[in-house]
Amino acid sequence: QLVESGGGLTQAGGSLRLSCAASGLTFRSYTVG
């Protein structure tokens, strides 16, 4: 399972930080995009 979070609304020039939390796999063995 991969679950994204951190999206939202912002104005031009603003910043956001997205997160992708993974479970059920050996995470370090995967390339993530």
Full PDB file with SEQRES, HELIX, SHEET, SSBOND, CRYST1, ORIGX, SCALE, CONECT and MASTER records, all heavy atoms in Angstrom:
SEQRES   1 A   33  GLN LEU VAL GLU SER GLY GLY GLY LEU THR GLN ALA GLY          
SEQRES   2 A   33  GLY SER LEU ARG LEU SER CYS ALA ALA SER GLY LEU THR          
SEQRES   3 A   33  PHE ARG SER TYR THR VAL GLY                                  
HELIX    1 AA1 PHE A   27  SER A   29  5                                   3    
SHEET    1 AA1 2 LEU A   2  SER A   5  0                                        
SHEET    2 AA1 2 SER A  19  ALA A  22 -1                                        
CRYST1    1.000    1.000    1.000  90.00  90.00  90.00 P 1           1          
ORIGX1      1.000000  0.000000  0.000000        0.00000                         
ORIGX2      0.000000  1.000000  0.000000        0.00000                         
ORIGX3      0.000000  0.000000  1.000000        0.00000                         
SCALE1      1.000000  0.000000  0.000000        0.00000                         
SCALE2      0.000000  1.000000  0.000000        0.00000                         
SCALE3      0.000000  0.000000  1.000000        0.00000                         
ATOM      1  N   GLN A   1       0.834  -1.188   0.000  1.00  0.00           N  
ATOM      2  CA  GLN A   1       0.000   0.000   0.000  1.00  0.00           C  
ATOM      3  C   GLN A   1       0.873   1.243   0.000  1.00  0.00           C  
ATOM      4  O   GLN A   1       1.852   1.329   0.748  1.00  0.00           O  
ATOM      5  CB  GLN A   1      -0.925   0.016   1.214  1.00  0.00           C  
ATOM      6  CG  GLN A   1      -1.939   1.138   1.211  1.00  0.00           C  
ATOM      7  CD  GLN A   1      -2.931   1.033   2.351  1.00  0.00           C  
ATOM      8  OE1 GLN A   1      -2.695   0.337   3.338  1.00  0.00           O  
ATOM      9  NE2 GLN A   1      -4.053   1.722   2.229  1.00  0.00           N  
ATOM     10  N   LEU A   2       0.523   2.193  -0.837  1.00  0.00           N  
ATOM     11  CA  LEU A   2       1.155   3.500  -0.878  1.00  0.00           C  
ATOM     12  C   LEU A   2       0.081   4.540  -0.624  1.00  0.00           C  
ATOM     13  O   LEU A   2      -0.969   4.523  -1.269  1.00  0.00           O  
ATOM     14  CB  LEU A   2       1.812   3.761  -2.230  1.00  0.00           C  
ATOM     15  CG  LEU A   2       2.867   2.759  -2.712  1.00  0.00           C  
ATOM     16  CD1 LEU A   2       3.314   3.112  -4.127  1.00  0.00           C  
ATOM     17  CD2 LEU A   2       4.057   2.748  -1.771  1.00  0.00           C  
ATOM     18  N   VAL A   3       0.342   5.453   0.287  1.00  0.00           N  
ATOM     19  CA  VAL A   3      -0.631   6.467   0.657  1.00  0.00           C  
ATOM     20  C   VAL A   3       0.027   7.832   0.588  1.00  0.00           C  
ATOM     21  O   VAL A   3       0.983   8.102   1.319  1.00  0.00           O  
ATOM     22  CB  VAL A   3      -1.204   6.226   2.059  1.00  0.00           C  
ATOM     23  CG1 VAL A   3      -2.201   7.324   2.412  1.00  0.00           C  
ATOM     24  CG2 VAL A   3      -1.870   4.864   2.136  1.00  0.00           C  
ATOM     25  N   GLU A   4      -0.503   8.688  -0.273  1.00  0.00           N  
ATOM     26  CA  GLU A   4      -0.006  10.053  -0.400  1.00  0.00           C  
ATOM     27  C   GLU A   4      -0.754  10.977   0.552  1.00  0.00           C  
ATOM     28  O   GLU A   4      -1.930  10.761   0.860  1.00  0.00           O  
ATOM     29  CB  GLU A   4      -0.183  10.578  -1.831  1.00  0.00           C  
ATOM     30  CG  GLU A   4       0.479   9.738  -2.907  1.00  0.00           C  
ATOM     31  CD  GLU A   4      -0.468   8.748  -3.541  1.00  0.00           C  
ATOM     32  OE1 GLU A   4      -1.436   8.329  -2.872  1.00  0.00           O  
ATOM     33  OE2 GLU A   4      -0.249   8.392  -4.720  1.00  0.00           O  
ATOM     34  N   SER A   5      -0.072  12.022   0.967  1.00  0.00           N  
ATOM     35  CA  SER A   5      -0.691  13.056   1.773  1.00  0.00           C  
ATOM     36  C   SER A   5       0.062  14.360   1.557  1.00  0.00           C  
ATOM     37  O   SER A   5       1.144  14.371   0.980  1.00  0.00           O  
ATOM     38  CB  SER A   5      -0.699  12.685   3.259  1.00  0.00           C  
ATOM     39  OG  SER A   5       0.622  12.541   3.754  1.00  0.00           O  
ATOM     40  N   GLY A   6      -0.519  15.449   2.015  1.00  0.00           N  
ATOM     41  CA  GLY A   6       0.141  16.742   1.958  1.00  0.00           C  
ATOM     42  C   GLY A   6      -0.342  17.667   0.869  1.00  0.00           C  
ATOM     43  O   GLY A   6       0.108  18.817   0.801  1.00  0.00           O  
ATOM     44  N   GLY A   7      -1.228  17.201   0.019  1.00  0.00           N  
ATOM     45  CA  GLY A   7      -1.756  18.068  -1.011  1.00  0.00           C  
ATOM     46  C   GLY A   7      -2.663  19.133  -0.431  1.00  0.00           C  
ATOM     47  O   GLY A   7      -3.064  19.081   0.729  1.00  0.00           O  
ATOM     48  N   GLY A   8      -2.980  20.103  -1.254  1.00  0.00           N  
ATOM     49  CA  GLY A   8      -3.836  21.188  -0.816  1.00  0.00           C  
ATOM     50  C   GLY A   8      -3.821  22.323  -1.796  1.00  0.00           C  
ATOM     51  O   GLY A   8      -3.428  22.167  -2.954  1.00  0.00           O  
ATOM     52  N   LEU A   9      -4.256  23.470  -1.316  1.00  0.00           N  
ATOM     53  CA  LEU A   9      -4.328  24.672  -2.133  1.00  0.00           C  
ATOM     54  C   LEU A   9      -3.272  25.668  -1.682  1.00  0.00           C  
ATOM     55  O   LEU A   9      -3.045  25.857  -0.479  1.00  0.00           O  
ATOM     56  CB  LEU A   9      -5.703  25.326  -2.021  1.00  0.00           C  
ATOM     57  CG  LEU A   9      -6.877  24.670  -2.745  1.00  0.00           C  
ATOM     58  CD1 LEU A   9      -7.338  23.421  -2.012  1.00  0.00           C  
ATOM     59  CD2 LEU A   9      -8.028  25.652  -2.869  1.00  0.00           C  
ATOM     60  N   THR A  10      -2.634  26.300  -2.642  1.00  0.00           N  
ATOM     61  CA  THR A  10      -1.686  27.347  -2.341  1.00  0.00           C  
ATOM     62  C   THR A  10      -1.669  28.338  -3.495  1.00  0.00           C  
ATOM     63  O   THR A  10      -2.179  28.058  -4.578  1.00  0.00           O  
ATOM     64  CB  THR A  10      -0.277  26.782  -2.090  1.00  0.00           C  
ATOM     65  OG1 THR A  10       0.573  27.804  -1.563  1.00  0.00           O  
ATOM     66  CG2 THR A  10       0.330  26.257  -3.382  1.00  0.00           C  
ATOM     67  N   GLN A  11      -1.082  29.478  -3.257  1.00  0.00           N  
ATOM     68  CA  GLN A  11      -0.952  30.492  -4.290  1.00  0.00           C  
ATOM     69  C   GLN A  11       0.322  30.281  -5.091  1.00  0.00           C  
ATOM     70  O   GLN A  11       1.246  29.597  -4.649  1.00  0.00           O  
ATOM     71  CB  GLN A  11      -0.954  31.891  -3.678  1.00  0.00           C  
ATOM     72  CG  GLN A  11      -2.246  32.277  -2.989  1.00  0.00           C  
ATOM     73  CD  GLN A  11      -2.202  33.686  -2.430  1.00  0.00           C  
ATOM     74  OE1 GLN A  11      -1.140  34.243  -2.201  1.00  0.00           O  
ATOM     75  NE2 GLN A  11      -3.376  34.257  -2.208  1.00  0.00           N  
ATOM     76  N   ALA A  12       0.349  30.862  -6.272  1.00  0.00           N  
ATOM     77  CA  ALA A  12       1.561  30.817  -7.072  1.00  0.00           C  
ATOM     78  C   ALA A  12       2.747  31.339  -6.267  1.00  0.00           C  
ATOM     79  O   ALA A  12       2.648  32.352  -5.577  1.00  0.00           O  
ATOM     80  CB  ALA A  12       1.381  31.630  -8.341  1.00  0.00           C  
ATOM     81  N   GLY A  13       3.845  30.619  -6.352  1.00  0.00           N  
ATOM     82  CA  GLY A  13       5.025  30.949  -5.579  1.00  0.00           C  
ATOM     83  C   GLY A  13       5.098  30.271  -4.232  1.00  0.00           C  
ATOM     84  O   GLY A  13       6.137  30.344  -3.557  1.00  0.00           O  
ATOM     85  N   GLY A  14       4.038  29.603  -3.835  1.00  0.00           N  
ATOM     86  CA  GLY A  14       3.999  28.931  -2.553  1.00  0.00           C  
ATOM     87  C   GLY A  14       4.681  27.577  -2.575  1.00  0.00           C  
ATOM     88  O   GLY A  14       5.237  27.148  -3.587  1.00  0.00           O  
ATOM     89  N   SER A  15       4.606  26.900  -1.440  1.00  0.00           N  
ATOM     90  CA  SER A  15       5.261  25.605  -1.271  1.00  0.00           C  
ATOM     91  C   SER A  15       4.321  24.597  -0.637  1.00  0.00           C  
ATOM     92  O   SER A  15       3.438  24.950   0.151  1.00  0.00           O  
ATOM     93  CB  SER A  15       6.504  25.744  -0.384  1.00  0.00           C  
ATOM     94  OG  SER A  15       7.462  26.612  -0.947  1.00  0.00           O  
ATOM     95  N   LEU A  16       4.516  23.339  -0.995  1.00  0.00           N  
ATOM     96  CA  LEU A  16       3.829  22.222  -0.378  1.00  0.00           C  
ATOM     97  C   LEU A  16       4.806  21.064  -0.262  1.00  0.00           C  
ATOM     98  O   LEU A  16       5.717  20.923  -1.087  1.00  0.00           O  
ATOM     99  CB  LEU A  16       2.616  21.775  -1.192  1.00  0.00           C  
ATOM    100  CG  LEU A  16       1.393  22.682  -1.215  1.00  0.00           C  
ATOM    101  CD1 LEU A  16       0.386  22.170  -2.243  1.00  0.00           C  
ATOM    102  CD2 LEU A  16       0.742  22.750   0.160  1.00  0.00           C  
ATOM    103  N   ARG A  17       4.595  20.230   0.734  1.00  0.00           N  
ATOM    104  CA  ARG A  17       5.407  19.031   0.912  1.00  0.00           C  
ATOM    105  C   ARG A  17       4.501  17.811   0.886  1.00  0.00           C  
ATOM    106  O   ARG A  17       3.651  17.642   1.762  1.00  0.00           O  
ATOM    107  CB  ARG A  17       6.163  19.079   2.231  1.00  0.00           C  
ATOM    108  CG  ARG A  17       7.185  17.944   2.404  1.00  0.00           C  
ATOM    109  CD  ARG A  17       7.584  17.804   3.850  1.00  0.00           C  
ATOM    110  NE  ARG A  17       8.793  17.020   4.042  1.00  0.00           N  
ATOM    111  CZ  ARG A  17       9.113  16.411   5.181  1.00  0.00           C  
ATOM    112  NH1 ARG A  17       8.326  16.517   6.240  1.00  0.00           N  
ATOM    113  NH2 ARG A  17      10.236  15.723   5.270  1.00  0.00           N  
ATOM    114  N   LEU A  18       4.689  16.976  -0.115  1.00  0.00           N  
ATOM    115  CA  LEU A  18       3.934  15.747  -0.230  1.00  0.00           C  
ATOM    116  C   LEU A  18       4.691  14.600   0.420  1.00  0.00           C  
ATOM    117  O   LEU A  18       5.919  14.550   0.379  1.00  0.00           O  
ATOM    118  CB  LEU A  18       3.668  15.405  -1.690  1.00  0.00           C  
ATOM    119  CG  LEU A  18       2.994  16.485  -2.545  1.00  0.00           C  
ATOM    120  CD1 LEU A  18       2.727  15.939  -3.943  1.00  0.00           C  
ATOM    121  CD2 LEU A  18       1.725  16.984  -1.891  1.00  0.00           C  
ATOM    122  N   SER A  19       3.943  13.672   0.999  1.00  0.00           N  
ATOM    123  CA  SER A  19       4.517  12.482   1.593  1.00  0.00           C  
ATOM    124  C   SER A  19       3.899  11.247   0.970  1.00  0.00           C  
ATOM    125  O   SER A  19       2.721  11.241   0.616  1.00  0.00           O  
ATOM    126  CB  SER A  19       4.280  12.460   3.109  1.00  0.00           C  
ATOM    127  OG  SER A  19       4.905  13.544   3.749  1.00  0.00           O  
ATOM    128  N   CYS A  20       4.689  10.201   0.848  1.00  0.00           N  
ATOM    129  CA  CYS A  20       4.232   8.903   0.370  1.00  0.00           C  
ATOM    130  C   CYS A  20       4.666   7.869   1.385  1.00  0.00           C  
ATOM    131  O   CYS A  20       5.863   7.569   1.499  1.00  0.00           O  
ATOM    132  CB  CYS A  20       4.817   8.598  -1.007  1.00  0.00           C  
ATOM    133  SG  CYS A  20       4.496   6.925  -1.609  1.00  0.00           S  
ATOM    134  N   ALA A  21       3.716   7.335   2.117  1.00  0.00           N  
ATOM    135  CA  ALA A  21       3.992   6.324   3.126  1.00  0.00           C  
ATOM    136  C   ALA A  21       3.718   4.944   2.550  1.00  0.00           C  
ATOM    137  O   ALA A  21       2.638   4.697   2.005  1.00  0.00           O  
ATOM    138  CB  ALA A  21       3.139   6.564   4.362  1.00  0.00           C  
ATOM    139  N   ALA A  22       4.679   4.045   2.686  1.00  0.00           N  
ATOM    140  CA  ALA A  22       4.584   2.714   2.107  1.00  0.00           C  
ATOM    141  C   ALA A  22       4.492   1.652   3.194  1.00  0.00           C  
ATOM    142  O   ALA A  22       5.072   1.793   4.276  1.00  0.00           O  
ATOM    143  CB  ALA A  22       5.789   2.424   1.220  1.00  0.00           C  
ATOM    144  N   SER A  23       3.778   0.588   2.885  1.00  0.00           N  
ATOM    145  CA  SER A  23       3.699  -0.568   3.766  1.00  0.00           C  
ATOM    146  C   SER A  23       3.596  -1.831   2.924  1.00  0.00           C  
ATOM    147  O   SER A  23       3.188  -1.787   1.762  1.00  0.00           O  
ATOM    148  CB  SER A  23       2.509  -0.456   4.720  1.00  0.00           C  
ATOM    149  OG  SER A  23       1.284  -0.435   4.000  1.00  0.00           O  
ATOM    150  N   GLY A  24       3.972  -2.964   3.516  1.00  0.00           N  
ATOM    151  CA  GLY A  24       3.824  -4.239   2.836  1.00  0.00           C  
ATOM    152  C   GLY A  24       4.924  -4.599   1.862  1.00  0.00           C  
ATOM    153  O   GLY A  24       4.769  -5.553   1.094  1.00  0.00           O  
ATOM    154  N   LEU A  25       6.040  -3.886   1.877  1.00  0.00           N  
ATOM    155  CA  LEU A  25       7.152  -4.173   0.991  1.00  0.00           C  
ATOM    156  C   LEU A  25       8.461  -3.798   1.667  1.00  0.00           C  
ATOM    157  O   LEU A  25       8.465  -3.040   2.643  1.00  0.00           O  
ATOM    158  CB  LEU A  25       7.004  -3.458  -0.353  1.00  0.00           C  
ATOM    159  CG  LEU A  25       7.288  -1.953  -0.428  1.00  0.00           C  
ATOM    160  CD1 LEU A  25       7.266  -1.499  -1.884  1.00  0.00           C  
ATOM    161  CD2 LEU A  25       6.314  -1.141   0.397  1.00  0.00           C  
ATOM    162  N   THR A  26       9.547  -4.353   1.148  1.00  0.00           N  
ATOM    163  CA  THR A  26      10.874  -3.955   1.616  1.00  0.00           C  
ATOM    164  C   THR A  26      11.203  -2.636   0.947  1.00  0.00           C  
ATOM    165  O   THR A  26      11.715  -2.599  -0.169  1.00  0.00           O  
ATOM    166  CB  THR A  26      11.902  -5.040   1.290  1.00  0.00           C  
ATOM    167  OG1 THR A  26      11.488  -6.283   1.852  1.00  0.00           O  
ATOM    168  CG2 THR A  26      13.260  -4.664   1.868  1.00  0.00           C  
ATOM    169  N   PHE A  27      10.924  -1.569   1.643  1.00  0.00           N  
ATOM    170  CA  PHE A  27      10.873  -0.253   1.040  1.00  0.00           C  
ATOM    171  C   PHE A  27      12.176   0.142   0.361  1.00  0.00           C  
ATOM    172  O   PHE A  27      12.165   0.700  -0.738  1.00  0.00           O  
ATOM    173  CB  PHE A  27      10.484   0.778   2.099  1.00  0.00           C  
ATOM    174  CG  PHE A  27      10.209   2.138   1.551  1.00  0.00           C  
ATOM    175  CD1 PHE A  27       9.094   2.376   0.772  1.00  0.00           C  
ATOM    176  CD2 PHE A  27      11.070   3.186   1.823  1.00  0.00           C  
ATOM    177  CE1 PHE A  27       8.834   3.635   0.267  1.00  0.00           C  
ATOM    178  CE2 PHE A  27      10.817   4.454   1.332  1.00  0.00           C  
ATOM    179  CZ  PHE A  27       9.696   4.679   0.550  1.00  0.00           C  
ATOM    180  N   ARG A  28      13.290  -0.132   0.994  1.00  0.00           N  
ATOM    181  CA  ARG A  28      14.565   0.321   0.449  1.00  0.00           C  
ATOM    182  C   ARG A  28      14.942  -0.386  -0.843  1.00  0.00           C  
ATOM    183  O   ARG A  28      15.860   0.062  -1.529  1.00  0.00           O  
ATOM    184  CB  ARG A  28      15.673   0.146   1.481  1.00  0.00           C  
ATOM    185  CG  ARG A  28      16.069  -1.292   1.757  1.00  0.00           C  
ATOM    186  CD  ARG A  28      17.245  -1.335   2.728  1.00  0.00           C  
ATOM    187  NE  ARG A  28      17.716  -2.696   2.948  1.00  0.00           N  
ATOM    188  CZ  ARG A  28      18.588  -3.328   2.178  1.00  0.00           C  
ATOM    189  NH1 ARG A  28      19.091  -2.722   1.116  1.00  0.00           N  
ATOM    190  NH2 ARG A  28      18.964  -4.563   2.462  1.00  0.00           N  
ATOM    191  N   SER A  29      14.271  -1.467  -1.184  1.00  0.00           N  
ATOM    192  CA  SER A  29      14.546  -2.194  -2.415  1.00  0.00           C  
ATOM    193  C   SER A  29      13.830  -1.609  -3.626  1.00  0.00           C  
ATOM    194  O   SER A  29      14.026  -2.093  -4.739  1.00  0.00           O  
ATOM    195  CB  SER A  29      14.145  -3.662  -2.270  1.00  0.00           C  
ATOM    196  OG  SER A  29      14.893  -4.297  -1.240  1.00  0.00           O  
ATOM    197  N   TYR A  30      13.027  -0.602  -3.427  1.00  0.00           N  
ATOM    198  CA  TYR A  30      12.194  -0.053  -4.483  1.00  0.00           C  
ATOM    199  C   TYR A  30      12.637   1.344  -4.887  1.00  0.00           C  
ATOM    200  O   TYR A  30      12.985   2.176  -4.042  1.00  0.00           O  
ATOM    201  CB  TYR A  30      10.737   0.026  -4.023  1.00  0.00           C  
ATOM    202  CG  TYR A  30      10.033  -1.307  -3.992  1.00  0.00           C  
ATOM    203  CD1 TYR A  30      10.277  -2.214  -2.974  1.00  0.00           C  
ATOM    204  CD2 TYR A  30       9.116  -1.650  -4.978  1.00  0.00           C  
ATOM    205  CE1 TYR A  30       9.634  -3.438  -2.947  1.00  0.00           C  
ATOM    206  CE2 TYR A  30       8.458  -2.868  -4.953  1.00  0.00           C  
ATOM    207  CZ  TYR A  30       8.723  -3.755  -3.932  1.00  0.00           C  
ATOM    208  OH  TYR A  30       8.073  -4.967  -3.901  1.00  0.00           O  
ATOM    209  N   THR A  31      12.620   1.568  -6.176  1.00  0.00           N  
ATOM    210  CA  THR A  31      12.646   2.928  -6.684  1.00  0.00           C  
ATOM    211  C   THR A  31      11.248   3.527  -6.531  1.00  0.00           C  
ATOM    212  O   THR A  31      10.252   2.858  -6.806  1.00  0.00           O  
ATOM    213  CB  THR A  31      13.066   2.948  -8.160  1.00  0.00           C  
ATOM    214  OG1 THR A  31      14.419   2.499  -8.264  1.00  0.00           O  
ATOM    215  CG2 THR A  31      12.958   4.343  -8.751  1.00  0.00           C  
ATOM    216  N   VAL A  32      11.182   4.747  -6.083  1.00  0.00           N  
ATOM    217  CA  VAL A  32       9.905   5.412  -5.865  1.00  0.00           C  
ATOM    218  C   VAL A  32       9.842   6.670  -6.713  1.00  0.00           C  
ATOM    219  O   VAL A  32      10.805   7.451  -6.748  1.00  0.00           O  
ATOM    220  CB  VAL A  32       9.693   5.756  -4.385  1.00  0.00           C  
ATOM    221  CG1 VAL A  32       8.379   6.510  -4.195  1.00  0.00           C  
ATOM    222  CG2 VAL A  32       9.691   4.483  -3.547  1.00  0.00           C  
ATOM    223  N   GLY A  33       8.728   6.849  -7.385  1.00  0.00           N  
ATOM    224  CA  GLY A  33       8.546   8.002  -8.238  1.00  0.00           C  
ATOM    225  C   GLY A  33       7.277   8.757  -7.910  1.00  0.00           C  
ATOM    226  O   GLY A  33       6.363   8.236  -7.264  1.00  0.00           O  
TER     227      GLY A  33                                                      
MASTER        0    0    0    1    2    0    0    6  226    1    0    3          
END                                                                             
